[in-house]
């Protein structure tokens, strides 16, 4: 796909990760989280949902680990999230090999969960051009991860 976030202008897909803080009570409401996913997929990123949204409540009550975890398959990949009841925070990832607007995802998500602030990371998922019959563009550099 064409991707304005990719150093080559092309990408296999796009990953948007949101860390939200100071959220409202919807992070503790399974029905609200499912409604969020439905609207996000249908109206914000325009992706076809595949099956039902999987939602489970995990962790010991009163600890930062307690809260819902969510997963939704979409035709072009998935949406996942983890919600902390005690910290009033949410951590949501949207990955798709079809293009979508990261700012629209952030705006809708912050509004839905009443987040006071958010960090957004946008990552193009690159593919090996050699697999597609071409060459890797010279301007792509690989950085070693720090140990």
Protein backbone atom coordinates (compact mmCIF):
# COMPACT_ATOMS: atom_id res chain seq x y z
CA UNK A 1 0.00 0.00 0.00
CA UNK A 2 1.07 3.59 -0.41
CA UNK A 3 2.13 4.87 2.99
CA UNK A 4 3.11 8.42 3.89
CA UNK A 5 4.78 7.13 7.09
CA UNK A 6 7.16 4.77 5.27
CA UNK A 7 10.68 5.83 4.25
CA UNK A 8 10.05 4.12 0.88
CA UNK A 9 6.53 5.43 0.39
CA UNK A 10 5.31 1.83 0.49
CA UNK A 11 4.43 -0.51 3.35
CA UNK A 12 2.89 -3.87 4.04
CA UNK A 13 0.69 -2.28 6.68
CA UNK A 14 0.35 0.38 9.32
CA UNK A 15 0.41 -0.02 13.12
CA UNK A 16 -0.96 2.70 15.36
CA UNK A 17 -0.36 2.34 19.10
CA UNK A 18 -2.16 4.57 21.57
CA UNK A 19 -1.41 4.94 25.27
CA UNK A 20 -4.25 6.85 26.95
CA UNK A 21 -4.22 8.31 30.46
CA UNK A 22 -6.88 9.87 32.68
CA UNK A 23 -9.70 7.93 31.02
CA UNK A 24 -13.35 7.84 32.07
CA UNK A 25 -15.25 4.85 33.46
CA UNK A 26 -15.70 3.29 30.01
CA UNK A 27 -12.33 1.54 30.46
CA UNK A 28 -14.11 -0.55 33.13
CA UNK A 29 -17.23 -1.26 31.04
CA UNK A 30 -17.13 -4.30 28.74
CA UNK A 31 -20.23 -3.25 26.79
CA UNK A 32 -18.77 0.22 26.19
CA UNK A 33 -15.47 -1.27 24.98
CA UNK A 34 -17.34 -3.48 22.49
CA UNK A 35 -19.30 -0.43 21.28
CA UNK A 36 -16.01 1.46 20.88
CA UNK A 37 -14.59 -1.34 18.71
CA UNK A 38 -17.70 -1.51 16.52
CA UNK A 39 -17.73 2.22 15.83
CA UNK A 40 -13.94 2.38 15.38
CA UNK A 41 -13.99 -0.37 12.76
CA UNK A 42 -17.23 0.55 10.98
CA UNK A 43 -17.12 4.35 11.02
CA UNK A 44 -13.56 5.53 11.74
CA UNK A 45 -11.17 3.16 9.94
CA UNK A 46 -13.83 1.59 7.66
CA UNK A 47 -12.63 -1.98 8.15
CA UNK A 48 -14.79 -5.10 8.01
CA UNK A 49 -14.97 -6.84 11.37
CA UNK A 50 -14.46 -10.60 11.26
CA UNK A 51 -16.40 -12.36 14.00
CA UNK A 52 -17.19 -11.02 17.44
CA UNK A 53 -15.00 -8.82 19.59
CA UNK A 54 -13.21 -10.99 22.16
CA UNK A 55 -13.24 -9.39 25.60
CA UNK A 56 -11.96 -10.83 28.88
CA UNK A 57 -11.53 -9.41 32.36
CA UNK A 58 -8.10 -10.30 33.77
CA UNK A 59 -5.92 -9.64 36.81
CA UNK A 60 -6.41 -9.29 40.53
CA UNK A 61 -8.92 -6.58 41.44
CA UNK A 62 -7.35 -3.38 42.75
CA UNK A 63 -4.00 -3.95 41.03
CA UNK A 64 -2.75 -2.11 37.91
CA UNK A 65 -3.00 -5.42 36.05
CA UNK A 66 -6.76 -5.75 36.61
CA UNK A 67 -8.89 -4.81 33.65
CA UNK A 68 -10.25 -5.84 30.29
CA UNK A 69 -8.27 -7.15 27.35
CA UNK A 70 -9.87 -6.91 23.92
CA UNK A 71 -9.17 -8.39 20.50
CA UNK A 72 -11.05 -7.86 17.24
CA UNK A 73 -10.09 -9.51 13.97
CA UNK A 74 -10.62 -7.29 10.96
CA UNK A 75 -10.46 -8.42 7.37
CA UNK A 76 -7.10 -6.69 6.97
CA UNK A 77 -5.60 -7.61 10.39
CA UNK A 78 -6.67 -6.72 13.97
CA UNK A 79 -7.45 -4.27 16.74
CA UNK A 80 -6.33 -5.05 20.30
CA UNK A 81 -6.44 -3.28 23.62
CA UNK A 82 -5.72 -3.53 27.30
CA UNK A 83 -7.46 -1.42 29.92
CA UNK A 84 -6.33 -0.72 33.51
CA UNK A 85 -9.18 -0.15 35.93
CA UNK A 86 -7.05 1.24 38.76
CA UNK A 87 -4.90 3.51 36.56
CA UNK A 88 -7.77 4.71 34.32
CA UNK A 89 -5.59 4.00 31.30
CA UNK A 90 -5.93 2.21 27.96
CA UNK A 91 -3.40 0.76 25.53
CA UNK A 92 -4.80 0.20 22.05
CA UNK A 93 -3.19 -1.09 18.84
CA UNK A 94 -4.70 -0.89 15.38
CA UNK A 95 -2.92 -2.81 12.62
CA UNK A 96 -4.09 -3.06 9.04
CA UNK A 97 -2.60 -3.71 5.62
CA UNK A 98 -5.21 -1.26 4.28
CA UNK A 99 -4.63 2.47 4.72
CA UNK A 100 -6.36 4.41 7.49
CA UNK A 101 -5.97 7.75 9.28
CA UNK A 102 -4.01 7.50 12.57
CA UNK A 103 -5.14 10.97 13.69
CA UNK A 104 -8.80 9.97 13.28
CA UNK A 105 -8.16 6.88 15.42
CA UNK A 106 -6.50 9.00 18.12
CA UNK A 107 -9.19 11.68 18.08
CA UNK A 108 -12.09 9.21 18.28
CA UNK A 109 -10.40 7.06 20.94
CA UNK A 110 -9.50 9.99 23.18
CA UNK A 111 -13.04 11.35 22.94
CA UNK A 112 -14.69 7.98 23.57
CA UNK A 113 -12.61 7.18 26.65
CA UNK A 114 -12.43 10.81 27.84
CA UNK A 115 -8.64 10.64 27.92
CA UNK A 116 -6.85 13.64 29.39
CA UNK A 117 -3.75 12.86 27.34
CA UNK A 118 -2.40 10.28 24.92
CA UNK A 119 0.81 9.12 23.28
CA UNK A 120 0.57 7.86 19.72
CA UNK A 121 3.17 5.84 17.86
CA UNK A 122 2.75 5.23 14.13
CA UNK A 123 4.81 2.42 12.64
CA UNK A 124 4.83 1.44 8.98
CA UNK A 125 5.30 -2.32 8.65
CA UNK A 126 7.74 -2.74 5.78
CA UNK A 127 8.10 -5.78 3.57
CA UNK A 128 11.10 -7.19 1.77
CA UNK A 129 11.05 -5.76 -1.75
CA UNK A 130 13.07 -8.78 -2.92
CA UNK A 131 10.10 -10.98 -2.12
CA UNK A 132 7.98 -8.81 -4.41
CA UNK A 133 10.45 -9.03 -7.31
CA UNK A 134 12.15 -5.68 -6.77
CA UNK A 135 15.08 -4.32 -4.82
CA UNK A 136 15.12 -2.72 -1.41
CA UNK A 137 15.42 1.06 -1.98
CA UNK A 138 18.82 2.43 -0.97
CA UNK A 139 17.35 5.07 1.34
CA UNK A 140 16.05 2.40 3.72
CA UNK A 141 18.46 1.83 6.59
CA UNK A 142 18.30 -0.79 9.27
CA UNK A 143 19.09 0.36 12.80
CA UNK A 144 20.32 -2.14 15.35
CA UNK A 145 18.24 -2.33 18.51
CA UNK A 146 20.06 -1.35 21.70
CA UNK A 147 20.69 -4.29 23.97
